[in-house]
Amino acid sequence: MIPQNEQLSPAEKTWQTHEALNQLYGVLDLRKPRREPIHELISTMLSHRTTHANEETAYYRMRELYPTWPEVMTAPVDELTKVLETAQYPGPKAINIQKALRLIQEKAPDFSLHFLEEMSVEEAMDWLMALPGVGLKTATLLLLFNFHKPVLPVDTHVFRVSQRVGLIGAKVTAEKAHTILLDMLPKEAPVLFNFHKHLYWHGQRICTWKGPKCQECPLCALCNYCQEVRQKGVDKQKKVI
């Protein structure tokens, strides 16, 4: 049974959220990365303000036309921009991808990125975020998914669910949310992976930006937003009566 909302600290609420969503979605296995590190990096760069379907379309069209990374790196930028047109901001993304690939090639001629595995979290984060077009979300996602580093990606879904439930404050920025949420969770990659994926799915399926399905949500007893919605409903009924 989930304790009442007002009885929990943010850290307790964060852990209760993690456990409740583990039950709802099932515990995921982190052992095998879903794709190669360079694929993960470039796809995540393409995903900014872009749906997953459009990101994948852009990525696979690019790889079909340019089967090797050197070919992507040296393609005419206007041509690459056209290929990436299903992604938002294809022009800047084309430029950033080519610049990033040049820097990666200097470090790893085979574009493998496996050198990141030997780096500390801080070193790996600094190196990745020095690449054009790579921000905090992209860097943490790559390091968690592919190298099992104890970091926490916070995308728009994770951020929205965290704010609505009350794990973070209403004025907390997405960048600051990475640190606040990470500090309230064990520094264990499997836990952080499940927390990220489950809040991501929850934001897509139930805690949507528009018309969240609060009546279906197992977090309602924990959730500031859900409790406010319920209270408004009670107040409205009282006025009708």
Protein backbone atom coordinates (compact mmCIF):
# COMPACT_ATOMS: atom_id res chain seq x y z
CA MET A 1 0.00 0.00 0.00
CA ILE A 2 1.34 3.44 -0.97
CA PRO A 3 1.55 5.87 1.99
CA GLN A 4 -0.44 9.09 1.82
CA ASN A 5 1.10 11.88 -0.23
CA GLU A 6 1.64 14.31 2.65
CA GLN A 7 3.50 11.70 4.73
CA LEU A 8 6.39 11.33 2.28
CA SER A 9 9.58 13.29 1.74
CA PRO A 10 10.62 13.87 -1.91
CA ALA A 11 13.22 11.09 -1.58
CA GLU A 12 10.65 8.66 -0.17
CA LYS A 13 8.17 9.64 -2.84
CA THR A 14 10.82 9.07 -5.53
CA TRP A 15 11.49 5.55 -4.30
CA GLN A 16 7.77 4.77 -3.97
CA THR A 17 7.30 5.99 -7.55
CA HIS A 18 10.13 3.74 -8.71
CA GLU A 19 8.65 0.69 -6.96
CA ALA A 20 5.11 1.37 -8.18
CA LEU A 21 6.22 1.69 -11.80
CA ASN A 22 8.38 -1.43 -11.50
CA GLN A 23 5.18 -3.28 -10.63
CA LEU A 24 3.23 -1.65 -13.44
CA TYR A 25 5.75 -2.08 -16.26
CA GLY A 26 8.03 -4.84 -14.99
CA VAL A 27 11.74 -4.68 -14.19
CA LEU A 28 13.87 -4.29 -17.31
CA ASP A 29 17.23 -5.91 -18.01
CA LEU A 30 20.08 -3.52 -18.73
CA ARG A 31 22.69 -6.11 -19.67
CA LYS A 32 22.48 -5.79 -23.46
CA PRO A 33 22.50 -2.31 -25.07
CA ARG A 34 19.73 -1.80 -27.61
CA ARG A 35 22.15 -0.47 -30.23
CA GLU A 36 25.81 0.43 -30.83
CA PRO A 37 27.13 3.52 -29.00
CA ILE A 38 27.62 5.61 -32.14
CA HIS A 39 24.09 4.71 -33.28
CA GLU A 40 22.72 5.68 -29.86
CA LEU A 41 24.58 8.98 -29.92
CA ILE A 42 23.55 10.08 -33.41
CA SER A 43 19.94 8.92 -32.97
CA THR A 44 19.66 10.84 -29.72
CA MET A 45 21.06 13.95 -31.38
CA LEU A 46 18.34 13.58 -34.01
CA SER A 47 15.63 13.03 -31.41
CA HIS A 48 15.63 16.59 -30.01
CA ARG A 49 12.06 17.92 -30.39
CA THR A 50 11.33 15.04 -32.77
CA THR A 51 9.07 12.01 -32.42
CA HIS A 52 10.70 8.60 -32.17
CA ALA A 53 9.20 7.56 -35.53
CA ASN A 54 10.57 10.63 -37.32
CA GLU A 55 13.95 10.26 -35.62
CA GLU A 56 14.22 6.65 -36.84
CA THR A 57 13.13 7.61 -40.35
CA ALA A 58 15.83 10.28 -40.51
CA TYR A 59 18.50 7.98 -39.09
CA TYR A 60 17.84 5.03 -41.40
CA ARG A 61 17.48 7.22 -44.49
CA MET A 62 20.86 8.71 -43.65
CA ARG A 63 22.48 5.29 -43.21
CA GLU A 64 20.90 3.99 -46.42
CA LEU A 65 22.36 6.83 -48.45
CA TYR A 66 25.65 6.99 -46.49
CA PRO A 67 26.45 3.46 -45.24
CA THR A 68 29.68 4.44 -43.46
CA TRP A 69 30.37 7.19 -40.92
CA PRO A 70 33.10 8.78 -43.08
CA GLU A 71 30.48 9.12 -45.83
CA VAL A 72 28.07 10.83 -43.42
CA MET A 73 30.90 13.06 -42.24
CA THR A 74 31.88 14.22 -45.73
CA ALA A 75 28.45 14.43 -47.37
CA PRO A 76 27.38 17.82 -48.77
CA VAL A 77 25.64 19.48 -45.84
CA ASP A 78 22.65 20.61 -47.91
CA GLU A 79 22.18 17.04 -49.13
CA LEU A 80 22.44 15.63 -45.61
CA THR A 81 19.97 18.24 -44.39
CA LYS A 82 17.46 17.05 -46.99
CA VAL A 83 17.94 13.44 -45.91
CA LEU A 84 17.27 14.40 -42.28
CA GLU A 85 14.14 16.43 -43.07
CA THR A 86 11.81 14.29 -40.91
CA ALA A 87 13.74 15.49 -37.86
CA GLN A 88 13.12 18.96 -36.47
CA TYR A 89 15.90 21.46 -37.30
CA PRO A 90 17.59 19.20 -39.89
CA GLY A 91 20.08 21.89 -40.96
CA PRO A 92 21.70 22.50 -37.57
CA LYS A 93 21.55 18.78 -36.80
CA ALA A 94 23.34 17.90 -40.04
CA ILE A 95 26.12 20.39 -39.23
CA ASN A 96 26.44 19.20 -35.62
CA ILE A 97 26.50 15.52 -36.60
CA GLN A 98 29.32 16.10 -39.09
CA LYS A 99 31.33 18.17 -36.60
CA ALA A 100 30.81 15.57 -33.87
CA LEU A 101 31.89 12.75 -36.18
CA ARG A 102 35.13 14.57 -36.99
CA LEU A 103 35.95 14.93 -33.30
CA ILE A 104 35.05 11.30 -32.63
CA GLN A 105 37.26 10.14 -35.50
CA GLU A 106 40.22 11.97 -33.96
CA LYS A 107 39.75 9.97 -30.77
CA ALA A 108 38.56 6.69 -32.29
CA PRO A 109 39.13 6.15 -36.03
CA ASP A 110 36.62 3.28 -36.00
CA PHE A 111 33.92 5.52 -34.40
CA SER A 112 33.39 2.87 -31.70
CA LEU A 113 33.16 5.19 -28.65
CA HIS A 114 34.21 2.29 -26.41
CA PHE A 115 36.96 4.46 -24.94
CA LEU A 116 34.20 6.08 -22.86
CA GLU A 117 33.91 2.88 -20.86
CA GLU A 118 37.33 3.45 -19.30
CA MET A 119 36.58 7.05 -18.32
CA SER A 120 35.07 8.21 -15.06
CA VAL A 121 31.53 9.56 -15.24
CA GLU A 122 32.81 13.13 -15.00
CA GLU A 123 35.44 12.64 -17.72
CA ALA A 124 32.97 10.92 -20.06
CA MET A 125 30.32 13.59 -19.48
CA ASP A 126 32.80 16.39 -20.16
CA TRP A 127 34.06 14.74 -23.34
CA LEU A 128 30.59 14.09 -24.74
CA MET A 129 29.20 17.50 -23.87
CA ALA A 130 32.09 19.15 -25.71
CA LEU A 131 30.66 17.68 -28.93
CA PRO A 132 28.43 20.03 -30.95
CA GLY A 133 24.75 19.25 -30.45
CA VAL A 134 25.30 17.04 -27.39
CA GLY A 135 23.67 18.19 -24.18
CA LEU A 136 23.06 16.70 -20.77
CA LYS A 137 20.21 14.41 -21.82
CA THR A 138 22.10 12.96 -24.79
CA ALA A 139 25.30 12.39 -22.80
CA THR A 140 23.57 10.73 -19.84
CA LEU A 141 21.42 8.54 -22.06
CA LEU A 142 24.44 7.20 -23.95
CA LEU A 143 26.46 6.59 -20.78
CA LEU A 144 23.62 4.81 -19.00
CA PHE A 145 22.26 2.74 -21.89
CA ASN A 146 25.55 1.67 -23.44
CA PHE A 147 28.15 1.84 -20.68
CA HIS A 148 26.01 1.36 -17.56
CA LYS A 149 27.35 4.48 -15.90
CA PRO A 150 25.33 5.67 -12.86
CA VAL A 151 23.70 8.69 -14.50
CA LEU A 152 20.05 9.60 -15.08
CA PRO A 153 18.70 10.97 -18.38
CA VAL A 154 15.79 13.38 -17.90
CA ASP A 155 13.77 13.89 -21.06
CA THR A 156 10.48 15.74 -21.40
CA HIS A 157 8.40 12.78 -20.15
CA VAL A 158 10.59 12.06 -17.12
CA PHE A 159 10.62 15.77 -16.29
CA ARG A 160 6.83 16.16 -16.60
CA VAL A 161 6.00 13.11 -14.48
CA SER A 162 8.56 14.10 -11.84
CA GLN A 163 7.12 17.59 -11.52
CA ARG A 164 3.49 16.47 -11.44
CA VAL A 165 4.07 13.80 -8.83
CA GLY A 166 6.14 16.24 -6.76
CA LEU A 167 9.56 14.61 -6.90
CA ILE A 168 10.98 17.98 -7.95
CA GLY A 169 9.71 21.51 -7.47
CA ALA A 170 7.64 23.46 -9.97
CA LYS A 171 10.50 25.91 -10.62
CA VAL A 172 13.23 23.29 -11.08
CA THR A 173 14.80 23.33 -14.56
CA ALA A 174 15.22 20.19 -16.64
CA GLU A 175 18.99 20.48 -16.25
CA LYS A 176 18.82 20.76 -12.47
CA ALA A 177 16.35 17.85 -12.36
CA HIS A 178 19.13 15.47 -13.45
CA THR A 179 21.07 16.18 -10.27
CA ILE A 180 18.11 16.34 -7.87
CA LEU A 181 16.60 13.04 -9.01
CA LEU A 182 19.98 11.29 -9.16
CA ASP A 183 20.72 12.34 -5.58
CA MET A 184 17.50 10.66 -4.39
CA LEU A 185 18.17 7.31 -6.05
CA PRO A 186 20.81 4.60 -5.54
CA LYS A 187 23.81 5.11 -7.81
CA GLU A 188 23.13 1.78 -9.51
CA ALA A 189 22.74 1.66 -13.28
CA PRO A 190 19.90 -0.93 -13.32
CA VAL A 191 17.82 1.18 -10.90
CA LEU A 192 18.47 4.37 -12.85
CA PHE A 193 17.71 2.66 -16.16
CA ASN A 194 14.37 1.35 -14.91
CA PHE A 195 13.48 4.69 -13.33
CA HIS A 196 14.18 6.50 -16.60
CA LYS A 197 12.41 4.02 -18.87
CA HIS A 198 9.36 3.67 -16.64
CA LEU A 199 8.83 7.41 -16.22
CA TYR A 200 9.36 7.80 -19.97
CA TRP A 201 6.69 5.19 -20.73
CA HIS A 202 4.38 6.59 -18.06
CA GLY A 203 4.65 10.06 -19.58
CA GLN A 204 3.84 8.66 -23.01
CA ARG A 205 0.94 6.42 -21.98
CA ILE A 206 -0.74 7.79 -18.85
CA CYS A 207 0.78 11.05 -17.60
CA THR A 208 0.53 12.69 -21.01
CA TRP A 209 1.07 16.41 -21.54
CA LYS A 210 -2.56 16.88 -22.56
CA GLY A 211 -5.39 14.97 -20.90
CA PRO A 212 -3.44 12.81 -18.42
CA LYS A 213 -5.30 9.65 -17.42
CA CYS A 214 -5.21 10.26 -13.67
CA GLN A 215 -8.04 7.80 -13.05
CA GLU A 216 -5.84 4.98 -14.42
CA CYS A 217 -2.64 6.02 -12.65
CA PRO A 218 -1.20 3.88 -9.82
CA LEU A 219 0.71 6.94 -8.60
CA CYS A 220 -2.39 9.00 -7.82
CA ALA A 221 -2.09 8.60 -4.03
CA LEU A 222 1.49 9.94 -4.30
CA CYS A 223 0.87 12.59 -6.90
CA ASN A 224 0.44 16.29 -6.18
CA TYR A 225 -1.21 16.87 -9.55
CA CYS A 226 -3.67 13.99 -9.18
CA GLN A 227 -4.64 15.05 -5.68
CA GLU A 228 -5.26 18.60 -6.89
CA VAL A 229 -7.42 17.28 -9.74
CA ARG A 230 -9.41 15.14 -7.31
CA GLN A 231 -9.83 18.04 -4.88
CA LYS A 232 -11.09 20.29 -7.66
CA GLY A 233 -13.57 17.57 -8.59
CA VAL A 234 -14.81 17.36 -4.99
CA ASP A 235 -15.09 21.14 -4.75
CA LYS A 236 -17.01 21.24 -8.03
CA GLN A 237 -19.46 18.59 -6.77
CA LYS A 238 -20.00 20.56 -3.55
CA LYS A 239 -20.85 23.67 -5.55
CA VAL A 240 -23.35 21.72 -7.65
CA ILE A 241 -24.97 20.34 -4.50
